[in-house]
Every structure is written in C-alpha cells, then in structure tokens.
Amino acid sequence: MRKITLIAVALLTALFLASCASYTPSMPASGPTIPINAMKIKKMTSVSYEYESANIGCSEIEFLKKFVGKKIRLDDGNVVFVDNILDIHTNVYSVKKMRGADNNYHCGFWGLAVEYEK
C-alpha cells in the first residue's frame, strides 16, 4: 500500500511540474504586428494639485484634467504643453465631521508633466 502511495505522489508531482512548464510555440503568431514608437521627452516639469471632495473620494482623473492638454508657464518663462503626467503620487486623507455629516477628503496629487517631441 505504501508503494502505491509513493508512486501516486510521484506521478502527481510530475504532472504538476509538467503543467507549470512554459509553452513556447514553434511558429510566430500570424497577423499584423502593432507598431511601437518610442517617444522622446522634449520638456518636463513637476506639477501638483490639491482639492477637497465631499463624500466622493479622490480621483487621479481630476488631476489629469487639470493639466493634460493645456499649456503651463514655468518660472523661467518657458511654456510646456502637457501631453502626459508620469509617476503620479497621491496623498489622500479623510476628515470626518460630526455625526451624520458627510466625510470630507483632502486630495493631493503630484507628478511629472511631460511634453513629447512631435
């Protein structure tokens, strides 16, 4: 009986290891490939945005709406057209009011606004 148990465990282990093996097809996938274009950063600056929200929470979308697709004038007089914001960080905390009142959220976001070369 013990010998049968050992054989069964060995077979189950072999099946488990075989199922974990990676599959590599011998033929490349057919169909068109998706072109990938590396984008080069032309200008970059840090941006931040803070707001308060009642009973809704915080959203990165509000942060993106604030800057993406708009021009920002820098301290040195240069202008950056924000194509994207990279490396977004958040600082969110809620402030409860008295009983029965809504929760207020303080939302803070910051990241790197970039303009890509066209």
PDB file of N, CA and C in Angstrom:
ATOM      1  N   MET A   1       0.817  -1.193   0.000  1.00  0.00           N
ATOM      2  CA  MET A   1       0.000   0.000   0.000  1.00  0.00           C
ATOM      3  C   MET A   1       0.862   1.260   0.000  1.00  0.00           C
ATOM      4  N   ARG A   2       1.928   1.236   0.753  1.00  0.00           N
ATOM      5  CA  ARG A   2       2.823   2.387   0.847  1.00  0.00           C
ATOM      6  C   ARG A   2       3.505   2.649  -0.495  1.00  0.00           C
ATOM      7  N   LYS A   3       3.823   1.589  -1.208  1.00  0.00           N
ATOM      8  CA  LYS A   3       4.483   1.722  -2.504  1.00  0.00           C
ATOM      9  C   LYS A   3       3.541   2.393  -3.518  1.00  0.00           C
ATOM     10  N   ILE A   4       2.268   2.047  -3.482  1.00  0.00           N
ATOM     11  CA  ILE A   4       1.288   2.642  -4.392  1.00  0.00           C
ATOM     12  C   ILE A   4       1.120   4.124  -4.092  1.00  0.00           C
ATOM     13  N   THR A   5       1.130   4.482  -2.820  1.00  0.00           N
ATOM     14  CA  THR A   5       1.003   5.882  -2.425  1.00  0.00           C
ATOM     15  C   THR A   5       2.189   6.688  -2.926  1.00  0.00           C
ATOM     16  N   LEU A   6       3.391   6.143  -2.793  1.00  0.00           N
ATOM     17  CA  LEU A   6       4.588   6.837  -3.268  1.00  0.00           C
ATOM     18  C   LEU A   6       4.560   7.024  -4.782  1.00  0.00           C
ATOM     19  N   ILE A   7       4.105   6.013  -5.507  1.00  0.00           N
ATOM     20  CA  ILE A   7       4.025   6.120  -6.964  1.00  0.00           C
ATOM     21  C   ILE A   7       2.990   7.178  -7.356  1.00  0.00           C
ATOM     22  N   ALA A   8       1.844   7.187  -6.655  1.00  0.00           N
ATOM     23  CA  ALA A   8       0.807   8.170  -6.958  1.00  0.00           C
ATOM     24  C   ALA A   8       1.299   9.586  -6.690  1.00  0.00           C
ATOM     25  N   VAL A   9       2.015   9.804  -5.577  1.00  0.00           N
ATOM     26  CA  VAL A   9       2.555  11.125  -5.254  1.00  0.00           C
ATOM     27  C   VAL A   9       3.584  11.537  -6.305  1.00  0.00           C
ATOM     28  N   ALA A  10       4.425  10.598  -6.731  1.00  0.00           N
ATOM     29  CA  ALA A  10       5.429  10.901  -7.744  1.00  0.00           C
ATOM     30  C   ALA A  10       4.770  11.288  -9.066  1.00  0.00           C
ATOM     31  N   LEU A  11       3.710  10.577  -9.465  1.00  0.00           N
ATOM     32  CA  LEU A  11       3.010  10.903 -10.703  1.00  0.00           C
ATOM     33  C   LEU A  11       2.309  12.260 -10.611  1.00  0.00           C
ATOM     34  N   LEU A  12       1.680  12.534  -9.492  1.00  0.00           N
ATOM     35  CA  LEU A  12       1.030  13.832  -9.315  1.00  0.00           C
ATOM     36  C   LEU A  12       2.044  14.971  -9.334  1.00  0.00           C
ATOM     37  N   THR A  13       3.195  14.765  -8.723  1.00  0.00           N
ATOM     38  CA  THR A  13       4.245  15.785  -8.736  1.00  0.00           C
ATOM     39  C   THR A  13       4.748  16.021 -10.162  1.00  0.00           C
ATOM     40  N   ALA A  14       4.936  14.936 -10.904  1.00  0.00           N
ATOM     41  CA  ALA A  14       5.396  15.068 -12.289  1.00  0.00           C
ATOM     42  C   ALA A  14       4.358  15.806 -13.138  1.00  0.00           C
ATOM     43  N   LEU A  15       3.070  15.496 -12.941  1.00  0.00           N
ATOM     44  CA  LEU A  15       2.024  16.193 -13.682  1.00  0.00           C
ATOM     45  C   LEU A  15       1.972  17.673 -13.311  1.00  0.00           C
ATOM     46  N   PHE A  16       2.144  17.966 -12.029  1.00  0.00           N
ATOM     47  CA  PHE A  16       2.138  19.357 -11.591  1.00  0.00           C
ATOM     48  C   PHE A  16       3.289  20.125 -12.224  1.00  0.00           C
ATOM     49  N   LEU A  17       4.482  19.556 -12.190  1.00  0.00           N
ATOM     50  CA  LEU A  17       5.648  20.228 -12.774  1.00  0.00           C
ATOM     51  C   LEU A  17       5.506  20.380 -14.281  1.00  0.00           C
ATOM     52  N   ALA A  18       4.917  19.389 -14.944  1.00  0.00           N
ATOM     53  CA  ALA A  18       4.716  19.484 -16.390  1.00  0.00           C
ATOM     54  C   ALA A  18       3.711  20.586 -16.719  1.00  0.00           C
ATOM     55  N   SER A  19       2.693  20.773 -15.869  1.00  0.00           N
ATOM     56  CA  SER A  19       1.700  21.813 -16.141  1.00  0.00           C
ATOM     57  C   SER A  19       2.263  23.207 -15.907  1.00  0.00           C
ATOM     58  N   CYS A  20       3.310  23.326 -15.095  1.00  0.00           N
ATOM     59  CA  CYS A  20       3.922  24.628 -14.826  1.00  0.00           C
ATOM     60  C   CYS A  20       4.947  25.034 -15.890  1.00  0.00           C
ATOM     61  N   ALA A  21       5.338  24.091 -16.733  1.00  0.00           N
ATOM     62  CA  ALA A  21       6.350  24.382 -17.751  1.00  0.00           C
ATOM     63  C   ALA A  21       5.804  25.410 -18.730  1.00  0.00           C
ATOM     64  N   SER A  22       6.669  26.305 -19.177  1.00  0.00           N
ATOM     65  CA  SER A  22       6.222  27.345 -20.104  1.00  0.00           C
ATOM     66  C   SER A  22       6.090  26.776 -21.506  1.00  0.00           C
ATOM     67  N   TYR A  23       5.093  27.235 -22.218  1.00  0.00           N
ATOM     68  CA  TYR A  23       4.834  26.809 -23.581  1.00  0.00           C
ATOM     69  C   TYR A  23       5.379  27.852 -24.539  1.00  0.00           C
ATOM     70  N   THR A  24       6.212  27.407 -25.439  1.00  0.00           N
ATOM     71  CA  THR A  24       6.723  28.310 -26.474  1.00  0.00           C
ATOM     72  C   THR A  24       6.318  27.738 -27.827  1.00  0.00           C
ATOM     73  N   PRO A  25       5.502  28.455 -28.569  1.00  0.00           N
ATOM     74  CA  PRO A  25       5.057  27.940 -29.864  1.00  0.00           C
ATOM     75  C   PRO A  25       6.223  27.889 -30.846  1.00  0.00           C
ATOM     76  N   SER A  26       6.156  26.934 -31.753  1.00  0.00           N
ATOM     77  CA  SER A  26       7.228  26.785 -32.735  1.00  0.00           C
ATOM     78  C   SER A  26       7.070  27.767 -33.888  1.00  0.00           C
ATOM     79  N   MET A  27       5.886  28.336 -34.044  1.00  0.00           N
ATOM     80  CA  MET A  27       5.633  29.286 -35.124  1.00  0.00           C
ATOM     81  C   MET A  27       5.283  30.643 -34.527  1.00  0.00           C
ATOM     82  N   PRO A  28       5.715  31.718 -35.148  1.00  0.00           N
ATOM     83  CA  PRO A  28       5.300  33.036 -34.654  1.00  0.00           C
ATOM     84  C   PRO A  28       3.808  33.240 -34.903  1.00  0.00           C
ATOM     85  N   ALA A  29       3.216  34.098 -34.109  1.00  0.00           N
ATOM     86  CA  ALA A  29       1.794  34.381 -34.255  1.00  0.00           C
ATOM     87  C   ALA A  29       1.540  35.045 -35.604  1.00  0.00           C
ATOM     88  N   SER A  30       0.420  34.686 -36.207  1.00  0.00           N
ATOM     89  CA  SER A  30       0.104  35.277 -37.505  1.00  0.00           C
ATOM     90  C   SER A  30      -0.696  36.555 -37.303  1.00  0.00           C
ATOM     91  N   GLY A  31      -0.717  37.375 -38.310  1.00  0.00           N
ATOM     92  CA  GLY A  31      -1.462  38.623 -38.245  1.00  0.00           C
ATOM     93  C   GLY A  31      -0.537  39.808 -38.166  1.00  0.00           C
ATOM     94  N   PRO A  32      -1.116  40.990 -38.279  1.00  0.00           N
ATOM     95  CA  PRO A  32      -0.283  42.202 -38.270  1.00  0.00           C
ATOM     96  C   PRO A  32       0.270  42.481 -36.873  1.00  0.00           C
ATOM     97  N   THR A  33       1.444  43.056 -36.850  1.00  0.00           N
ATOM     98  CA  THR A  33       2.050  43.428 -35.575  1.00  0.00           C
ATOM     99  C   THR A  33       1.678  44.874 -35.247  1.00  0.00           C
ATOM    100  N   ILE A  34       1.672  45.179 -33.988  1.00  0.00           N
ATOM    101  CA  ILE A  34       1.352  46.535 -33.552  1.00  0.00           C
ATOM    102  C   ILE A  34       2.639  47.351 -33.557  1.00  0.00           C
ATOM    103  N   PRO A  35       2.665  48.459 -34.299  1.00  0.00           N
ATOM    104  CA  PRO A  35       3.885  49.262 -34.312  1.00  0.00           C
ATOM    105  C   PRO A  35       4.079  49.977 -32.973  1.00  0.00           C
ATOM    106  N   ILE A  36       5.309  50.030 -32.526  1.00  0.00           N
ATOM    107  CA  ILE A  36       5.650  50.705 -31.277  1.00  0.00           C
ATOM    108  C   ILE A  36       6.630  51.821 -31.608  1.00  0.00           C
ATOM    109  N   ASN A  37       6.252  53.031 -31.253  1.00  0.00           N
ATOM    110  CA  ASN A  37       7.108  54.188 -31.488  1.00  0.00           C
ATOM    111  C   ASN A  37       7.587  54.720 -30.150  1.00  0.00           C
ATOM    112  N   ALA A  38       8.893  54.762 -29.970  1.00  0.00           N
ATOM    113  CA  ALA A  38       9.447  55.329 -28.746  1.00  0.00           C
ATOM    114  C   ALA A  38       9.280  56.840 -28.797  1.00  0.00           C
ATOM    115  N   MET A  39       8.723  57.393 -27.731  1.00  0.00           N
ATOM    116  CA  MET A  39       8.504  58.843 -27.691  1.00  0.00           C
ATOM    117  C   MET A  39       9.623  59.490 -26.889  1.00  0.00           C
ATOM    118  N   LYS A  40      10.111  60.600 -27.398  1.00  0.00           N
ATOM    119  CA  LYS A  40      11.178  61.323 -26.721  1.00  0.00           C
ATOM    120  C   LYS A  40      10.588  62.516 -25.988  1.00  0.00           C
ATOM    121  N   ILE A  41      11.066  62.726 -24.776  1.00  0.00           N
ATOM    122  CA  ILE A  41      10.577  63.837 -23.970  1.00  0.00           C
ATOM    123  C   ILE A  41      11.300  65.110 -24.390  1.00  0.00           C
ATOM    124  N   LYS A  42      10.513  66.144 -24.708  1.00  0.00           N
ATOM    125  CA  LYS A  42      11.062  67.438 -25.105  1.00  0.00           C
ATOM    126  C   LYS A  42      11.288  68.309 -23.869  1.00  0.00           C
ATOM    127  N   LYS A  43      10.249  68.411 -23.008  1.00  0.00           N
ATOM    128  CA  LYS A  43      10.337  69.205 -21.780  1.00  0.00           C
ATOM    129  C   LYS A  43       9.634  68.448 -20.664  1.00  0.00           C
ATOM    130  N   MET A  44      10.058  68.737 -19.432  1.00  0.00           N
ATOM    131  CA  MET A  44       9.465  68.072 -18.285  1.00  0.00           C
ATOM    132  C   MET A  44       9.491  69.018 -17.092  1.00  0.00           C
ATOM    133  N   THR A  45       8.431  68.985 -16.291  1.00  0.00           N
ATOM    134  CA  THR A  45       8.370  69.792 -15.076  1.00  0.00           C
ATOM    135  C   THR A  45       7.475  69.096 -14.059  1.00  0.00           C
ATOM    136  N   SER A  46       7.673  69.407 -12.812  1.00  0.00           N
ATOM    137  CA  SER A  46       6.817  68.815 -11.783  1.00  0.00           C
ATOM    138  C   SER A  46       5.553  69.652 -11.623  1.00  0.00           C
ATOM    139  N   VAL A  47       4.446  68.979 -11.352  1.00  0.00           N
ATOM    140  CA  VAL A  47       3.169  69.647 -11.130  1.00  0.00           C
ATOM    141  C   VAL A  47       2.499  69.042  -9.903  1.00  0.00           C
ATOM    142  N   SER A  48       1.673  69.846  -9.256  1.00  0.00           N
ATOM    143  CA  SER A  48       0.915  69.343  -8.110  1.00  0.00           C
ATOM    144  C   SER A  48      -0.470  69.970  -8.116  1.00  0.00           C
ATOM    145  N   TYR A  49      -1.401  69.278  -7.468  1.00  0.00           N
ATOM    146  CA  TYR A  49      -2.787  69.739  -7.432  1.00  0.00           C
ATOM    147  C   TYR A  49      -3.426  69.232  -6.149  1.00  0.00           C
ATOM    148  N   GLU A  50      -4.085  70.103  -5.434  1.00  0.00           N
ATOM    149  CA  GLU A  50      -4.787  69.731  -4.208  1.00  0.00           C
ATOM    150  C   GLU A  50      -6.212  70.239  -4.272  1.00  0.00           C
ATOM    151  N   TYR A  51      -7.132  69.422  -3.791  1.00  0.00           N
ATOM    152  CA  TYR A  51      -8.525  69.837  -3.708  1.00  0.00           C
ATOM    153  C   TYR A  51      -9.213  69.050  -2.614  1.00  0.00           C
ATOM    154  N   GLU A  52     -10.398  69.499  -2.226  1.00  0.00           N
ATOM    155  CA  GLU A  52     -11.190  68.793  -1.231  1.00  0.00           C
ATOM    156  C   GLU A  52     -12.454  68.278  -1.891  1.00  0.00           C
ATOM    157  N   SER A  53     -12.873  67.110  -1.459  1.00  0.00           N
ATOM    158  CA  SER A  53     -14.032  66.462  -2.036  1.00  0.00           C
ATOM    159  C   SER A  53     -14.956  66.024  -0.908  1.00  0.00           C
ATOM    160  N   ALA A  54     -16.246  66.189  -1.084  1.00  0.00           N
ATOM    161  CA  ALA A  54     -17.205  65.791  -0.060  1.00  0.00           C
ATOM    162  C   ALA A  54     -17.891  64.495  -0.461  1.00  0.00           C
ATOM    163  N   ASN A  55     -17.681  63.470   0.338  1.00  0.00           N
ATOM    164  CA  ASN A  55     -18.373  62.191   0.226  1.00  0.00           C
ATOM    165  C   ASN A  55     -18.091  61.422  -1.063  1.00  0.00           C
ATOM    166  N   ILE A  56     -17.139  61.817  -1.885  1.00  0.00           N
ATOM    167  CA  ILE A  56     -16.882  61.132  -3.148  1.00  0.00           C
ATOM    168  C   ILE A  56     -15.528  60.422  -3.133  1.00  0.00           C
ATOM    169  N   GLY A  57     -14.562  60.952  -2.476  1.00  0.00           N
ATOM    170  CA  GLY A  57     -13.219  60.399  -2.531  1.00  0.00           C
ATOM    171  C   GLY A  57     -12.381  61.169  -3.525  1.00  0.00           C
ATOM    172  N   CYS A  58     -11.188  60.678  -3.772  1.00  0.00           N
ATOM    173  CA  CYS A  58     -10.256  61.390  -4.649  1.00  0.00           C
ATOM    174  C   CYS A  58     -10.082  60.636  -5.959  1.00  0.00           C
ATOM    175  N   SER A  59      -9.769  61.372  -7.007  1.00  0.00           N
ATOM    176  CA  SER A  59      -9.640  60.770  -8.323  1.00  0.00           C
ATOM    177  C   SER A  59      -8.433  61.345  -9.058  1.00  0.00           C
ATOM    178  N   GLU A  60      -7.616  60.453  -9.616  1.00  0.00           N
ATOM    179  CA  GLU A  60      -6.488  60.893 -10.431  1.00  0.00           C
ATOM    180  C   GLU A  60      -6.980  61.580 -11.702  1.00  0.00           C
ATOM    181  N   ILE A  61      -8.189  61.267 -12.109  1.00  0.00           N
ATOM    182  CA  ILE A  61      -8.737  61.865 -13.325  1.00  0.00           C
ATOM    183  C   ILE A  61      -8.852  63.380 -13.178  1.00  0.00           C
ATOM    184  N   GLU A  62      -9.241  63.841 -11.995  1.00  0.00           N
ATOM    185  CA  GLU A  62      -9.317  65.286 -11.768  1.00  0.00           C
ATOM    186  C   GLU A  62      -7.938  65.936 -11.912  1.00  0.00           C
ATOM    187  N   PHE A  63      -6.919  65.243 -11.429  1.00  0.00           N
ATOM    188  CA  PHE A  63      -5.540  65.720 -11.562  1.00  0.00           C
ATOM    189  C   PHE A  63      -5.141  65.795 -13.030  1.00  0.00           C
ATOM    190  N   LEU A  64      -5.445  64.762 -13.785  1.00  0.00           N
ATOM    191  CA  LEU A  64      -5.112  64.755 -15.208  1.00  0.00           C
ATOM    192  C   LEU A  64      -5.888  65.829 -15.963  1.00  0.00           C
ATOM    193  N   LYS A  65      -7.183  66.006 -15.645  1.00  0.00           N
ATOM    194  CA  LYS A  65      -7.986  67.039 -16.300  1.00  0.00           C
ATOM    195  C   LYS A  65      -7.415  68.435 -16.075  1.00  0.00           C
ATOM    196  N   LYS A  66      -6.824  68.635 -14.917  1.00  0.00           N
ATOM    197  CA  LYS A  66      -6.284  69.950 -14.559  1.00  0.00           C
ATOM    198  C   LYS A  66      -5.135  70.364 -15.479  1.00  0.00           C
ATOM    199  N   PHE A  67      -4.303  69.389 -15.915  1.00  0.00           N
ATOM    200  CA  PHE A  67      -3.079  69.746 -16.638  1.00  0.00           C
ATOM    201  C   PHE A  67      -2.973  69.209 -18.069  1.00  0.00           C
ATOM    202  N   VAL A  68      -3.399  67.991 -18.331  1.00  0.00           N
ATOM    203  CA  VAL A  68      -3.148  67.361 -19.636  1.00  0.00           C
ATOM    204  C   VAL A  68      -3.916  68.087 -20.734  1.00  0.00           C
ATOM    205  N   GLY A  69      -3.199  68.390 -21.815  1.00  0.00           N
ATOM    206  CA  GLY A  69      -3.779  69.104 -22.947  1.00  0.00           C
ATOM    207  C   GLY A  69      -3.756  70.611 -22.789  1.00  0.00           C
ATOM    208  N   LYS A  70      -3.070  71.087 -21.756  1.00  0.00           N
ATOM    209  CA  LYS A  70      -3.008  72.531 -21.502  1.00  0.00           C
ATOM    210  C   LYS A  70      -1.559  72.998 -21.460  1.00  0.00           C
ATOM    211  N   LYS A  71      -1.371  74.296 -21.597  1.00  0.00           N
ATOM    212  CA  LYS A  71      -0.034  74.882 -21.514  1.00  0.00           C
ATOM    213  C   LYS A  71       0.218  75.375 -20.105  1.00  0.00           C
ATOM    214  N   ILE A  72       1.447  75.169 -19.646  1.00  0.00           N
ATOM    215  CA  ILE A  72       1.865  75.641 -18.323  1.00  0.00           C
ATOM    216  C   ILE A  72       3.037  76.581 -18.528  1.00  0.00           C
ATOM    217  N   ARG A  73       2.968  77.746 -17.908  1.00  0.00           N
ATOM    218  CA  ARG A  73       4.087  78.691 -17.966  1.00  0.00           C
ATOM    219  C   ARG A  73       4.984  78.421 -16.758  1.00  0.00           C
ATOM    220  N   LEU A  74       6.256  78.175 -17.025  1.00  0.00           N
ATOM    221  CA  LEU A  74       7.221  77.899 -15.966  1.00  0.00           C
ATOM    222  C   LEU A  74       7.765  79.202 -15.378  1.00  0.00           C
ATOM    223  N   ASP A  75       8.453  79.100 -14.254  1.00  0.00           N
ATOM    224  CA  ASP A  75       9.026  80.275 -13.589  1.00  0.00           C
ATOM    225  C   ASP A  75      10.039  81.010 -14.468  1.00  0.00           C
ATOM    226  N   ASP A  76      10.746  80.245 -15.318  1.00  0.00           N
ATOM    227  CA  ASP A  76      11.759  80.877 -16.166  1.00  0.00           C
ATOM    228  C   ASP A  76      11.182  81.454 -17.462  1.00  0.00           C
ATOM    229  N   GLY A  77       9.854  81.414 -17.623  1.00  0.00           N
ATOM    230  CA  GLY A  77       9.214  81.987 -18.797  1.00  0.00           C
ATOM    231  C   GLY A  77       8.923  80.988 -19.898  1.00  0.00           C
ATOM    232  N   ASN A  78       9.518  79.802 -19.844  1.00  0.00           N
ATOM    233  CA  ASN A  78       9.236  78.779 -20.848  1.00  0.00           C
ATOM    234  C   ASN A  78       7.821  78.255 -20.690  1.00  0.00           C
ATOM    235  N   VAL A  79       7.288  77.706 -21.780  1.00  0.00           N
ATOM    236  CA  VAL A  79       5.939  77.134 -21.772  1.00  0.00           C
ATOM    237  C   VAL A  79       6.044  75.652 -22.088  1.00  0.00           C
ATOM    238  N   VAL A  80       5.311  74.837 -21.336  1.00  0.00           N
ATOM    239  CA  VAL A  80       5.267  73.392 -21.569  1.00  0.00           C
ATOM    240  C   VAL A  80       3.829  73.023 -21.901  1.00  0.00           C
ATOM    241  N   PHE A  81       3.629  72.361 -23.047  1.00  0.00           N
ATOM    242  CA  PHE A  81       2.323  71.811 -23.367  1.00  0.00           C
ATOM    243  C   PHE A  81       2.301  70.398 -22.794  1.00  0.00           C
ATOM    244  N   VAL A  82       1.417  70.131 -21.857  1.00  0.00           N
ATOM    245  CA  VAL A  82       1.411  68.857 -21.136  1.00  0.00           C
ATOM    246  C   VAL A  82       0.712  67.788 -21.977  1.00  0.00           C
ATOM    247  N   ASP A  83       1.515  66.816 -22.429  1.00  0.00           N
ATOM    248  CA  ASP A  83       0.969  65.674 -23.158  1.00  0.00           C
ATOM    249  C   ASP A  83       0.584  64.538 -22.210  1.00  0.00           C
ATOM    250  N   ASN A  84       1.285  64.424 -21.100  1.00  0.00           N
ATOM    251  CA  ASN A  84       1.056  63.322 -20.172  1.00  0.00           C
ATOM    252  C   ASN A  84       1.639  63.690 -18.818  1.00  0.00           C
ATOM    253  N   ILE A  85       1.213  62.971 -17.785  1.00  0.00           N
ATOM    254  CA  ILE A  85       1.810  63.120 -16.459  1.00  0.00           C
ATOM    255  C   ILE A  85       2.325  61.749 -16.037  1.00  0.00           C
ATOM    256  N   LEU A  86       3.598  61.697 -15.748  1.00  0.00           N
ATOM    257  CA  LEU A  86       4.244  60.448 -15.361  1.00  0.00           C
ATOM    258  C   LEU A  86       4.465  60.404 -13.855  1.00  0.00           C
ATOM    259  N   ASP A  87       4.582  59.201 -13.331  1.00  0.00           N
ATOM    260  CA  ASP A  87       4.970  58.985 -11.940  1.00  0.00           C
ATOM    261  C   ASP A  87       4.061  59.741 -10.967  1.00  0.00           C
ATOM    262  N   ILE A  88       2.765  59.475 -11.048  1.00  0.00           N
ATOM    263  CA  ILE A  88       1.784  60.171 -10.206  1.00  0.00           C
ATOM    264  C   ILE A  88       1.829  59.639  -8.780  1.00  0.00           C
ATOM    265  N   HIS A  89       1.898  60.554  -7.836  1.00  0.00           N
ATOM    266  CA  HIS A  89       1.879  60.224  -6.410  1.00  0.00           C
ATOM    267  C   HIS A  89       0.629  60.833  -5.790  1.00  0.00           C
ATOM    268  N   THR A  90       0.136  60.189  -4.738  1.00  0.00           N
ATOM    269  CA  THR A  90      -1.072  60.687  -4.088  1.00  0.00           C
ATOM    270  C   THR A  90      -0.859  60.845  -2.591  1.00  0.00           C
ATOM    271  N   ASN A  91      -1.598  61.776  -2.031  1.00  0.00           N
ATOM    272  CA  ASN A  91      -1.657  61.968  -0.592  1.00  0.00           C
ATOM    273  C   ASN A  91      -3.123  62.253  -0.277  1.00  0.00           C
ATOM    274  N   VAL A  92      -3.815  61.228   0.228  1.00  0.00           N
ATOM    275  CA  VAL A  92      -5.249  61.331   0.449  1.00  0.00           C
ATOM    276  C   VAL A  92      -5.541  61.048   1.914  1.00  0.00           C
ATOM    277  N   TYR A  93      -6.345  61.899   2.526  1.00  0.00           N
ATOM    278  CA  TYR A  93      -6.817  61.590   3.864  1.00  0.00           C
ATOM    279  C   TYR A  93      -8.232  62.124   4.024  1.00  0.00           C
ATOM    280  N   SER A  94      -8.986  61.465   4.882  1.00  0.00           N
ATOM    281  CA  SER A  94     -10.365  61.893   5.096  1.00  0.00           C
ATOM    282  C   SER A  94     -10.487  62.573   6.445  1.00  0.00           C
ATOM    283  N   VAL A  95     -11.394  63.530   6.483  1.00  0.00           N
ATOM    284  CA  VAL A  95     -11.666  64.259   7.712  1.00  0.00           C
ATOM    285  C   VAL A  95     -13.142  64.050   8.020  1.00  0.00           C
ATOM    286  N   LYS A  96     -13.420  63.317   9.096  1.00  0.00           N
ATOM    287  CA  LYS A  96     -14.815  63.083   9.466  1.00  0.00           C
ATOM    288  C   LYS A  96     -15.338  64.271  10.239  1.00  0.00           C
ATOM    289  N   LYS A  97     -16.526  64.639   9.890  1.00  0.00           N
ATOM    290  CA  LYS A  97     -17.173  65.720  10.621  1.00  0.00           C
ATOM    291  C   LYS A  97     -18.006  65.117  11.748  1.00  0.00           C
ATOM    292  N   MET A  98     -18.854  65.905  12.315  1.00  0.00           N
ATOM    293  CA  MET A  98     -19.723  65.443  13.405  1.00  0.00           C
ATOM    294  C   MET A  98     -20.663  64.353  12.909  1.00  0.00           C
ATOM    295  N   ARG A  99     -21.328  63.686  13.808  1.00  0.00           N
ATOM    296  CA  ARG A  99     -22.250  62.598  13.452  1.00  0.00           C
ATOM    297  C   ARG A  99     -23.261  63.042  12.405  1.00  0.00           C
ATOM    298  N   GLY A 100     -23.473  62.135  11.449  1.00  0.00           N
ATOM    299  CA  GLY A 100     -24.473  62.391  10.426  1.00  0.00           C
ATOM    300  C   GLY A 100     -24.014  63.278   9.286  1.00  0.00           C
ATOM    301  N   ALA A 101     -22.846  63.857   9.404  1.00  0.00           N
ATOM    302  CA  ALA A 101     -22.347  64.745   8.343  1.00  0.00           C
ATOM    303  C   ALA A 101     -21.538  63.940   7.332  1.00  0.00           C
ATOM    304  N   ASP A 102     -21.299  64.540   6.185  1.00  0.00           N
ATOM    305  CA  ASP A 102     -20.528  63.891   5.126  1.00  0.00           C
ATOM    306  C   ASP A 102     -19.058  63.809   5.506  1.00  0.00           C
ATOM    307  N   ASN A 103     -18.372  62.858   4.873  1.00  0.00           N
ATOM    308  CA  ASN A 103     -16.917  62.780   5.008  1.00  0.00           C
ATOM    309  C   ASN A 103     -16.292  63.718   3.990  1.00  0.00           C
ATOM    310  N   ASN A 104     -15.324  64.477   4.420  1.00  0.00           N
ATOM    311  CA  ASN A 104     -14.560  65.316   3.507  1.00  0.00           C
ATOM    312  C   ASN A 104     -13.218  64.662   3.262  1.00  0.00           C
ATOM    313  N   TYR A 105     -12.766  64.694   2.020  1.00  0.00           N
ATOM    314  CA  TYR A 105     -11.479  64.121   1.654  1.00  0.00           C
ATOM    315  C   TYR A 105     -10.555  65.233   1.178  1.00  0.00           C
ATOM    316  N   HIS A 106      -9.342  65.215   1.666  1.00  0.00           N
ATOM    317  CA  HIS A 106      -8.313  66.121   1.178  1.00  0.00           C
ATOM    318  C   HIS A 106      -7.484  65.321   0.183  1.00  0.00           C
ATOM    319  N   CYS A 107      -7.433  65.785  -1.053  1.00  0.00           N
ATOM    320  CA  CYS A 107      -6.782  65.053  -2.137  1.00  0.00           C
ATOM    321  C   CYS A 107      -5.551  65.837  -2.600  1.00  0.00           C
ATOM    322  N   GLY A 108      -4.409  65.224  -2.555  1.00  0.00           N
ATOM    323  CA  GLY A 108      -3.186  65.836  -3.036  1.00  0.00           C
ATOM    324  C   GLY A 108      -2.513  64.936  -4.054  1.00  0.00           C
ATOM    325  N   PHE A 109      -2.165  65.487  -5.203  1.00  0.00           N
ATOM    326  CA  PHE A 109      -1.509  64.733  -6.272  1.00  0.00           C
ATOM    327  C   PHE A 109      -0.287  65.505  -6.744  1.00  0.00           C
ATOM    328  N   TRP A 110       0.739  64.792  -7.154  1.00  0.00           N
ATOM    329  CA  TRP A 110       1.888  65.424  -7.796  1.00  0.00           C
ATOM    330  C   TRP A 110       2.539  64.414  -8.728  1.00  0.00           C
ATOM    331  N   GLY A 111       3.201  64.934  -9.752  1.00  0.00           N
ATOM    332  CA  GLY A 111       3.842  64.074 -10.739  1.00  0.00           C
ATOM    333  C   GLY A 111       4.683  64.891 -11.689  1.00  0.00           C
ATOM    334  N   LEU A 112       5.143  64.249 -12.755  1.00  0.00           N
ATOM    335  CA  LEU A 112       5.999  64.893 -13.750  1.00  0.00           C
ATOM    336  C   LEU A 112       5.217  65.125 -15.035  1.00  0.00           C
ATOM    337  N   ALA A 113       4.966  66.386 -15.347  1.00  0.00           N
ATOM    338  CA  ALA A 113       4.279  66.741 -16.593  1.00  0.00           C
ATOM    339  C   ALA A 113       5.306  66.729 -17.710  1.00  0.00           C
ATOM    340  N   VAL A 114       4.983  66.058 -18.811  1.00  0.00           N
ATOM    341  CA  VAL A 114       5.931  65.955 -19.925  1.00  0.00           C
ATOM    342  C   VAL A 114       5.291  66.432 -21.220  1.00  0.00           C
ATOM    343  N   GLU A 115       6.155  67.014 -22.038  1.00  0.00           N
ATOM    344  CA  GLU A 115       5.791  67.357 -23.420  1.00  0.00           C
ATOM    345  C   GLU A 115       6.691  66.511 -24.299  1.00  0.00           C
ATOM    346  N   TYR A 116       6.087  65.767 -25.207  1.00  0.00           N
ATOM    347  CA  TYR A 116       6.849  64.896 -26.096  1.00  0.00           C
ATOM    348  C   TYR A 116       7.241  65.654 -27.366  1.00  0.00           C
ATOM    349  N   GLU A 117       8.336  65.227 -27.965  1.00  0.00           N
ATOM    350  CA  GLU A 117       8.717  65.773 -29.277  1.00  0.00           C
ATOM    351  C   GLU A 117       7.720  65.264 -30.298  1.00  0.00           C
ATOM    352  N   LYS A 118       7.330  66.134 -31.179  1.00  0.00           N
ATOM    353  CA  LYS A 118       6.334  65.748 -32.192  1.00  0.00           C
ATOM    354  C   LYS A 118       7.018  65.301 -33.454  1.00  0.00           C
TER     355      LYS A 118
END
